[in-house]
Amino acid sequence: MYIENFREKSHFCLIIAIRALYVDKKLLPHSLIESLQKAKILRENADYYDDWSEKAAESLLKSAEQFIEISNKLISQKQ
């Protein structure tokens, strides 16, 4: 978001901004924003309800790696 001159602290608003700036423009696949939403829910469940599983966390690792790879490419294109 910094590369777009935005600074967002709310996870909810960050997801909306990523969708508008990258997913809607086909720069990020829709599946990655869905994974980000799932990660937010898993984190909240772990933080507030002590409900977590290693399997759920591991299921998001591949998406996180893909998100980082695409993000790095987008950043390098902006510089």
PDB file of N, CA and C in Angstrom:
ATOM      1  N   MET A   1       0.820  -1.187   0.000  1.00  0.00           N
ATOM      2  CA  MET A   1       0.000   0.000   0.000  1.00  0.00           C
ATOM      3  C   MET A   1       0.870   1.259   0.000  1.00  0.00           C
ATOM      4  N   TYR A   2       2.049   1.162   0.620  1.00  0.00           N
ATOM      5  CA  TYR A   2       2.944   2.313   0.650  1.00  0.00           C
ATOM      6  C   TYR A   2       3.339   2.759  -0.754  1.00  0.00           C
ATOM      7  N   ILE A   3       3.538   1.810  -1.639  1.00  0.00           N
ATOM      8  CA  ILE A   3       3.955   2.145  -3.008  1.00  0.00           C
ATOM      9  C   ILE A   3       2.863   2.946  -3.732  1.00  0.00           C
ATOM     10  N   GLU A   4       1.620   2.793  -3.279  1.00  0.00           N
ATOM     11  CA  GLU A   4       0.490   3.533  -3.849  1.00  0.00           C
ATOM     12  C   GLU A   4       0.184   4.798  -3.035  1.00  0.00           C
ATOM     13  N   ASN A   5       1.069   5.119  -2.086  1.00  0.00           N
ATOM     14  CA  ASN A   5       0.925   6.282  -1.207  1.00  0.00           C
ATOM     15  C   ASN A   5      -0.273   6.179  -0.271  1.00  0.00           C
ATOM     16  N   PHE A   6      -0.572   4.955   0.155  1.00  0.00           N
ATOM     17  CA  PHE A   6      -1.613   4.724   1.152  1.00  0.00           C
ATOM     18  C   PHE A   6      -0.980   4.134   2.395  1.00  0.00           C
ATOM     19  N   ARG A   7      -1.568   4.435   3.519  1.00  0.00           N
ATOM     20  CA  ARG A   7      -1.153   3.829   4.772  1.00  0.00           C
ATOM     21  C   ARG A   7      -2.411   3.390   5.490  1.00  0.00           C
ATOM     22  N   GLU A   8      -2.589   2.110   5.627  1.00  0.00           N
ATOM     23  CA  GLU A   8      -3.802   1.575   6.219  1.00  0.00           C
ATOM     24  C   GLU A   8      -3.454   0.714   7.418  1.00  0.00           C
ATOM     25  N   LYS A   9      -4.185   0.904   8.505  1.00  0.00           N
ATOM     26  CA  LYS A   9      -3.919   0.151   9.725  1.00  0.00           C
ATOM     27  C   LYS A   9      -5.020  -0.856  10.032  1.00  0.00           C
ATOM     28  N   SER A  10      -6.147  -0.740   9.401  1.00  0.00           N
ATOM     29  CA  SER A  10      -7.266  -1.648   9.630  1.00  0.00           C
ATOM     30  C   SER A  10      -7.179  -2.810   8.647  1.00  0.00           C
ATOM     31  N   HIS A  11      -7.221  -4.039   9.150  1.00  0.00           N
ATOM     32  CA  HIS A  11      -7.167  -5.197   8.265  1.00  0.00           C
ATOM     33  C   HIS A  11      -8.351  -5.212   7.302  1.00  0.00           C
ATOM     34  N   PHE A  12      -9.517  -4.855   7.789  1.00  0.00           N
ATOM     35  CA  PHE A  12     -10.714  -4.829   6.950  1.00  0.00           C
ATOM     36  C   PHE A  12     -10.528  -3.864   5.778  1.00  0.00           C
ATOM     37  N   CYS A  13     -10.084  -2.656   6.074  1.00  0.00           N
ATOM     38  CA  CYS A  13      -9.890  -1.648   5.023  1.00  0.00           C
ATOM     39  C   CYS A  13      -8.732  -2.017   4.107  1.00  0.00           C
ATOM     40  N   LEU A  14      -7.714  -2.660   4.654  1.00  0.00           N
ATOM     41  CA  LEU A  14      -6.593  -3.109   3.831  1.00  0.00           C
ATOM     42  C   LEU A  14      -7.069  -4.102   2.780  1.00  0.00           C
ATOM     43  N   ILE A  15      -7.925  -5.021   3.170  1.00  0.00           N
ATOM     44  CA  ILE A  15      -8.461  -6.006   2.228  1.00  0.00           C
ATOM     45  C   ILE A  15      -9.268  -5.312   1.135  1.00  0.00           C
ATOM     46  N   ILE A  16     -10.080  -4.352   1.510  1.00  0.00           N
ATOM     47  CA  ILE A  16     -10.874  -3.606   0.526  1.00  0.00           C
ATOM     48  C   ILE A  16      -9.950  -2.846  -0.437  1.00  0.00           C
ATOM     49  N   ALA A  17      -8.911  -2.216   0.097  1.00  0.00           N
ATOM     50  CA  ALA A  17      -7.983  -1.459  -0.741  1.00  0.00           C
ATOM     51  C   ALA A  17      -7.235  -2.376  -1.704  1.00  0.00           C
ATOM     52  N   ILE A  18      -6.775  -3.514  -1.229  1.00  0.00           N
ATOM     53  CA  ILE A  18      -6.073  -4.459  -2.103  1.00  0.00           C
ATOM     54  C   ILE A  18      -7.000  -4.942  -3.205  1.00  0.00           C
ATOM     55  N   ARG A  19      -8.245  -5.209  -2.846  1.00  0.00           N
ATOM     56  CA  ARG A  19      -9.216  -5.641  -3.860  1.00  0.00           C
ATOM     57  C   ARG A  19      -9.391  -4.563  -4.924  1.00  0.00           C
ATOM     58  N   ALA A  20      -9.576  -3.317  -4.513  1.00  0.00           N
ATOM     59  CA  ALA A  20      -9.814  -2.226  -5.464  1.00  0.00           C
ATOM     60  C   ALA A  20      -8.583  -1.910  -6.312  1.00  0.00           C
ATOM     61  N   LEU A  21      -7.417  -1.911  -5.689  1.00  0.00           N
ATOM     62  CA  LEU A  21      -6.201  -1.490  -6.397  1.00  0.00           C
ATOM     63  C   LEU A  21      -5.539  -2.601  -7.200  1.00  0.00           C
ATOM     64  N   TYR A  22      -5.755  -3.847  -6.815  1.00  0.00           N
ATOM     65  CA  TYR A  22      -5.011  -4.928  -7.456  1.00  0.00           C
ATOM     66  C   TYR A  22      -5.873  -6.060  -7.999  1.00  0.00           C
ATOM     67  N   VAL A  23      -6.850  -6.507  -7.243  1.00  0.00           N
ATOM     68  CA  VAL A  23      -7.668  -7.636  -7.703  1.00  0.00           C
ATOM     69  C   VAL A  23      -8.612  -7.185  -8.817  1.00  0.00           C
ATOM     70  N   ASP A  24      -9.307  -6.074  -8.607  1.00  0.00           N
ATOM     71  CA  ASP A  24     -10.239  -5.584  -9.635  1.00  0.00           C
ATOM     72  C   ASP A  24      -9.525  -5.229 -10.934  1.00  0.00           C
ATOM     73  N   LYS A  25      -8.251  -4.873 -10.835  1.00  0.00           N
ATOM     74  CA  LYS A  25      -7.461  -4.541 -12.024  1.00  0.00           C
ATOM     75  C   LYS A  25      -6.713  -5.754 -12.577  1.00  0.00           C
ATOM     76  N   LYS A  26      -7.011  -6.921 -12.022  1.00  0.00           N
ATOM     77  CA  LYS A  26      -6.424  -8.192 -12.486  1.00  0.00           C
ATOM     78  C   LYS A  26      -4.907  -8.273 -12.280  1.00  0.00           C
ATOM     79  N   LEU A  27      -4.394  -7.535 -11.302  1.00  0.00           N
ATOM     80  CA  LEU A  27      -2.981  -7.602 -10.978  1.00  0.00           C
ATOM     81  C   LEU A  27      -2.693  -8.679  -9.929  1.00  0.00           C
ATOM     82  N   LEU A  28      -3.708  -9.032  -9.171  1.00  0.00           N
ATOM     83  CA  LEU A  28      -3.643 -10.126  -8.197  1.00  0.00           C
ATOM     84  C   LEU A  28      -4.837 -11.034  -8.442  1.00  0.00           C
ATOM     85  N   PRO A  29      -4.652 -12.349  -8.328  1.00  0.00           N
ATOM     86  CA  PRO A  29      -5.789 -13.252  -8.495  1.00  0.00           C
ATOM     87  C   PRO A  29      -6.770 -13.133  -7.329  1.00  0.00           C
ATOM     88  N   HIS A  30      -8.035 -13.310  -7.629  1.00  0.00           N
ATOM     89  CA  HIS A  30      -9.095 -13.228  -6.620  1.00  0.00           C
ATOM     90  C   HIS A  30      -8.856 -14.221  -5.487  1.00  0.00           C
ATOM     91  N   SER A  31      -8.272 -15.358  -5.791  1.00  0.00           N
ATOM     92  CA  SER A  31      -8.023 -16.380  -4.770  1.00  0.00           C
ATOM     93  C   SER A  31      -7.119 -15.857  -3.651  1.00  0.00           C
ATOM     94  N   LEU A  32      -6.236 -14.922  -3.972  1.00  0.00           N
ATOM     95  CA  LEU A  32      -5.338 -14.406  -2.937  1.00  0.00           C
ATOM     96  C   LEU A  32      -6.052 -13.489  -1.960  1.00  0.00           C
ATOM     97  N   ILE A  33      -7.013 -12.720  -2.424  1.00  0.00           N
ATOM     98  CA  ILE A  33      -7.764 -11.874  -1.499  1.00  0.00           C
ATOM     99  C   ILE A  33      -8.655 -12.745  -0.621  1.00  0.00           C
ATOM    100  N   GLU A  34      -9.160 -13.843  -1.175  1.00  0.00           N
ATOM    101  CA  GLU A  34      -9.934 -14.791  -0.371  1.00  0.00           C
ATOM    102  C   GLU A  34      -9.052 -15.422   0.709  1.00  0.00           C
ATOM    103  N   SER A  35      -7.822 -15.745   0.351  1.00  0.00           N
ATOM    104  CA  SER A  35      -6.886 -16.306   1.330  1.00  0.00           C
ATOM    105  C   SER A  35      -6.555 -15.288   2.416  1.00  0.00           C
ATOM    106  N   LEU A  36      -6.425 -14.029   2.036  1.00  0.00           N
ATOM    107  CA  LEU A  36      -6.157 -12.977   3.007  1.00  0.00           C
ATOM    108  C   LEU A  36      -7.326 -12.835   3.982  1.00  0.00           C
ATOM    109  N   GLN A  37      -8.542 -12.903   3.471  1.00  0.00           N
ATOM    110  CA  GLN A  37      -9.717 -12.839   4.336  1.00  0.00           C
ATOM    111  C   GLN A  37      -9.763 -14.046   5.283  1.00  0.00           C
ATOM    112  N   LYS A  38      -9.435 -15.222   4.759  1.00  0.00           N
ATOM    113  CA  LYS A  38      -9.417 -16.424   5.586  1.00  0.00           C
ATOM    114  C   LYS A  38      -8.351 -16.305   6.681  1.00  0.00           C
ATOM    115  N   ALA A  39      -7.181 -15.780   6.316  1.00  0.00           N
ATOM    116  CA  ALA A  39      -6.107 -15.594   7.293  1.00  0.00           C
ATOM    117  C   ALA A  39      -6.535 -14.638   8.404  1.00  0.00           C
ATOM    118  N   LYS A  40      -7.249 -13.589   8.041  1.00  0.00           N
ATOM    119  CA  LYS A  40      -7.746 -12.628   9.035  1.00  0.00           C
ATOM    120  C   LYS A  40      -8.683 -13.326  10.014  1.00  0.00           C
ATOM    121  N   ILE A  41      -9.585 -14.134   9.495  1.00  0.00           N
ATOM    122  CA  ILE A  41     -10.530 -14.858  10.348  1.00  0.00           C
ATOM    123  C   ILE A  41      -9.792 -15.850  11.256  1.00  0.00           C
ATOM    124  N   LEU A  42      -8.835 -16.582  10.689  1.00  0.00           N
ATOM    125  CA  LEU A  42      -8.067 -17.535  11.489  1.00  0.00           C
ATOM    126  C   LEU A  42      -7.289 -16.826  12.595  1.00  0.00           C
ATOM    127  N   ARG A  43      -6.699 -15.684  12.281  1.00  0.00           N
ATOM    128  CA  ARG A  43      -5.970 -14.927  13.291  1.00  0.00           C
ATOM    129  C   ARG A  43      -6.892 -14.432  14.396  1.00  0.00           C
ATOM    130  N   GLU A  44      -8.061 -13.926  14.015  1.00  0.00           N
ATOM    131  CA  GLU A  44      -9.020 -13.453  15.010  1.00  0.00           C
ATOM    132  C   GLU A  44      -9.497 -14.601  15.898  1.00  0.00           C
ATOM    133  N   ASN A  45      -9.778 -15.749  15.300  1.00  0.00           N
ATOM    134  CA  ASN A  45     -10.218 -16.902  16.088  1.00  0.00           C
ATOM    135  C   ASN A  45      -9.130 -17.347  17.063  1.00  0.00           C
ATOM    136  N   ALA A  46      -7.891 -17.310  16.627  1.00  0.00           N
ATOM    137  CA  ALA A  46      -6.786 -17.691  17.510  1.00  0.00           C
ATOM    138  C   ALA A  46      -6.612 -16.674  18.637  1.00  0.00           C
ATOM    139  N   ASP A  47      -6.687 -15.387  18.296  1.00  0.00           N
ATOM    140  CA  ASP A  47      -6.483 -14.336  19.291  1.00  0.00           C
ATOM    141  C   ASP A  47      -7.612 -14.257  20.315  1.00  0.00           C
ATOM    142  N   TYR A  48      -8.839 -14.334  19.846  1.00  0.00           N
ATOM    143  CA  TYR A  48      -9.974 -14.053  20.722  1.00  0.00           C
ATOM    144  C   TYR A  48     -10.663 -15.285  21.283  1.00  0.00           C
ATOM    145  N   TYR A  49     -10.522 -16.426  20.620  1.00  0.00           N
ATOM    146  CA  TYR A  49     -11.252 -17.621  21.053  1.00  0.00           C
ATOM    147  C   TYR A  49     -10.339 -18.813  21.327  1.00  0.00           C
ATOM    148  N   ASP A  50      -9.034 -18.611  21.242  1.00  0.00           N
ATOM    149  CA  ASP A  50      -8.064 -19.690  21.433  1.00  0.00           C
ATOM    150  C   ASP A  50      -8.404 -20.894  20.560  1.00  0.00           C
ATOM    151  N   ASP A  51      -8.868 -20.601  19.357  1.00  0.00           N
ATOM    152  CA  ASP A  51      -9.262 -21.631  18.395  1.00  0.00           C
ATOM    153  C   ASP A  51      -8.319 -21.551  17.201  1.00  0.00           C
ATOM    154  N   TRP A  52      -7.416 -22.511  17.092  1.00  0.00           N
ATOM    155  CA  TRP A  52      -6.453 -22.505  16.002  1.00  0.00           C
ATOM    156  C   TRP A  52      -6.020 -23.935  15.703  1.00  0.00           C
ATOM    157  N   SER A  53      -5.448 -24.107  14.521  1.00  0.00           N
ATOM    158  CA  SER A  53      -4.905 -25.411  14.174  1.00  0.00           C
ATOM    159  C   SER A  53      -3.703 -25.219  13.255  1.00  0.00           C
ATOM    160  N   GLU A  54      -2.765 -26.104  13.402  1.00  0.00           N
ATOM    161  CA  GLU A  54      -1.572 -26.062  12.549  1.00  0.00           C
ATOM    162  C   GLU A  54      -1.960 -26.318  11.102  1.00  0.00           C
ATOM    163  N   LYS A  55      -2.912 -27.204  10.898  1.00  0.00           N
ATOM    164  CA  LYS A  55      -3.352 -27.539   9.540  1.00  0.00           C
ATOM    165  C   LYS A  55      -3.933 -26.309   8.830  1.00  0.00           C
ATOM    166  N   ALA A  56      -4.739 -25.534   9.545  1.00  0.00           N
ATOM    167  CA  ALA A  56      -5.332 -24.332   8.941  1.00  0.00           C
ATOM    168  C   ALA A  56      -4.250 -23.322   8.578  1.00  0.00           C
ATOM    169  N   ALA A  57      -3.269 -23.157   9.456  1.00  0.00           N
ATOM    170  CA  ALA A  57      -2.183 -22.219   9.186  1.00  0.00           C
ATOM    171  C   ALA A  57      -1.353 -22.689   7.990  1.00  0.00           C
ATOM    172  N   GLU A  58      -1.047 -23.966   7.954  1.00  0.00           N
ATOM    173  CA  GLU A  58      -0.259 -24.502   6.846  1.00  0.00           C
ATOM    174  C   GLU A  58      -0.989 -24.376   5.511  1.00  0.00           C
ATOM    175  N   SER A  59      -2.311 -24.441   5.552  1.00  0.00           N
ATOM    176  CA  SER A  59      -3.078 -24.351   4.305  1.00  0.00           C
ATOM    177  C   SER A  59      -2.923 -22.992   3.639  1.00  0.00           C
ATOM    178  N   LEU A  60      -2.562 -21.983   4.398  1.00  0.00           N
ATOM    179  CA  LEU A  60      -2.416 -20.635   3.844  1.00  0.00           C
ATOM    180  C   LEU A  60      -0.991 -20.302   3.404  1.00  0.00           C
ATOM    181  N   LEU A  61      -0.042 -21.153   3.737  1.00  0.00           N
ATOM    182  CA  LEU A  61       1.353 -20.847   3.410  1.00  0.00           C
ATOM    183  C   LEU A  61       1.591 -20.696   1.909  1.00  0.00           C
ATOM    184  N   LYS A  62       1.030 -21.570   1.106  1.00  0.00           N
ATOM    185  CA  LYS A  62       1.227 -21.496  -0.345  1.00  0.00           C
ATOM    186  C   LYS A  62       0.666 -20.182  -0.893  1.00  0.00           C
ATOM    187  N   SER A  63      -0.513 -19.791  -0.415  1.00  0.00           N
ATOM    188  CA  SER A  63      -1.103 -18.516  -0.844  1.00  0.00           C
ATOM    189  C   SER A  63      -0.246 -17.340  -0.407  1.00  0.00           C
ATOM    190  N   ALA A  64       0.278 -17.407   0.806  1.00  0.00           N
ATOM    191  CA  ALA A  64       1.130 -16.322   1.308  1.00  0.00           C
ATOM    192  C   ALA A  64       2.389 -16.189   0.458  1.00  0.00           C
ATOM    193  N   GLU A  65       2.982 -17.317   0.099  1.00  0.00           N
ATOM    194  CA  GLU A  65       4.180 -17.282  -0.741  1.00  0.00           C
ATOM    195  C   GLU A  65       3.867 -16.688  -2.118  1.00  0.00           C
ATOM    196  N   GLN A  66       2.727 -17.056  -2.684  1.00  0.00           N
ATOM    197  CA  GLN A  66       2.323 -16.519  -3.982  1.00  0.00           C
ATOM    198  C   GLN A  66       2.057 -15.023  -3.871  1.00  0.00           C
ATOM    199  N   PHE A  67       1.404 -14.607  -2.792  1.00  0.00           N
ATOM    200  CA  PHE A  67       1.109 -13.194  -2.556  1.00  0.00           C
ATOM    201  C   PHE A  67       2.409 -12.392  -2.492  1.00  0.00           C
ATOM    202  N   ILE A  68       3.394 -12.892  -1.765  1.00  0.00           N
ATOM    203  CA  ILE A  68       4.682 -12.205  -1.639  1.00  0.00           C
ATOM    204  C   ILE A  68       5.389 -12.129  -2.989  1.00  0.00           C
ATOM    205  N   GLU A  69       5.372 -13.216  -3.734  1.00  0.00           N
ATOM    206  CA  GLU A  69       6.031 -13.238  -5.047  1.00  0.00           C
ATOM    207  C   GLU A  69       5.424 -12.198  -5.990  1.00  0.00           C
ATOM    208  N   ILE A  70       4.102 -12.160  -6.072  1.00  0.00           N
ATOM    209  CA  ILE A  70       3.435 -11.204  -6.958  1.00  0.00           C
ATOM    210  C   ILE A  70       3.636  -9.782  -6.454  1.00  0.00           C
ATOM    211  N   SER A  71       3.557  -9.599  -5.144  1.00  0.00           N
ATOM    212  CA  SER A  71       3.756  -8.265  -4.562  1.00  0.00           C
ATOM    213  C   SER A  71       5.140  -7.726  -4.887  1.00  0.00           C
ATOM    214  N   ASN A  72       6.149  -8.567  -4.764  1.00  0.00           N
ATOM    215  CA  ASN A  72       7.519  -8.136  -5.095  1.00  0.00           C
ATOM    216  C   ASN A  72       7.633  -7.714  -6.550  1.00  0.00           C
ATOM    217  N   LYS A  73       6.978  -8.443  -7.453  1.00  0.00           N
ATOM    218  CA  LYS A  73       7.000  -8.073  -8.873  1.00  0.00           C
ATOM    219  C   LYS A  73       6.308  -6.727  -9.096  1.00  0.00           C
ATOM    220  N   LEU A  74       5.167  -6.525  -8.447  1.00  0.00           N
ATOM    221  CA  LEU A  74       4.435  -5.264  -8.605  1.00  0.00           C
ATOM    222  C   LEU A  74       5.255  -4.094  -8.071  1.00  0.00           C
ATOM    223  N   ILE A  75       5.916  -4.302  -6.953  1.00  0.00           N
ATOM    224  CA  ILE A  75       6.744  -3.233  -6.362  1.00  0.00           C
ATOM    225  C   ILE A  75       7.907  -2.897  -7.290  1.00  0.00           C
ATOM    226  N   SER A  76       8.559  -3.926  -7.832  1.00  0.00           N
ATOM    227  CA  SER A  76       9.712  -3.660  -8.704  1.00  0.00           C
ATOM    228  C   SER A  76       9.284  -2.946  -9.981  1.00  0.00           C
ATOM    229  N   GLN A  77       8.071  -3.174 -10.452  1.00  0.00           N
ATOM    230  CA  GLN A  77       7.568  -2.485 -11.643  1.00  0.00           C
ATOM    231  C   GLN A  77       7.296  -1.021 -11.360  1.00  0.00           C
ATOM    232  N   LYS A  78       6.948  -0.681 -10.118  1.00  0.00           N
ATOM    233  CA  LYS A  78       6.640   0.702  -9.749  1.00  0.00           C
ATOM    234  C   LYS A  78       7.891   1.550  -9.535  1.00  0.00           C
ATOM    235  N   GLN A  79       9.008   0.887  -9.257  1.00  0.00           N
ATOM    236  CA  GLN A  79      10.223   1.629  -8.918  1.00  0.00           C
ATOM    237  C   GLN A  79      10.981   2.057 -10.138  1.00  0.00           C
TER     238      GLN A  79
END
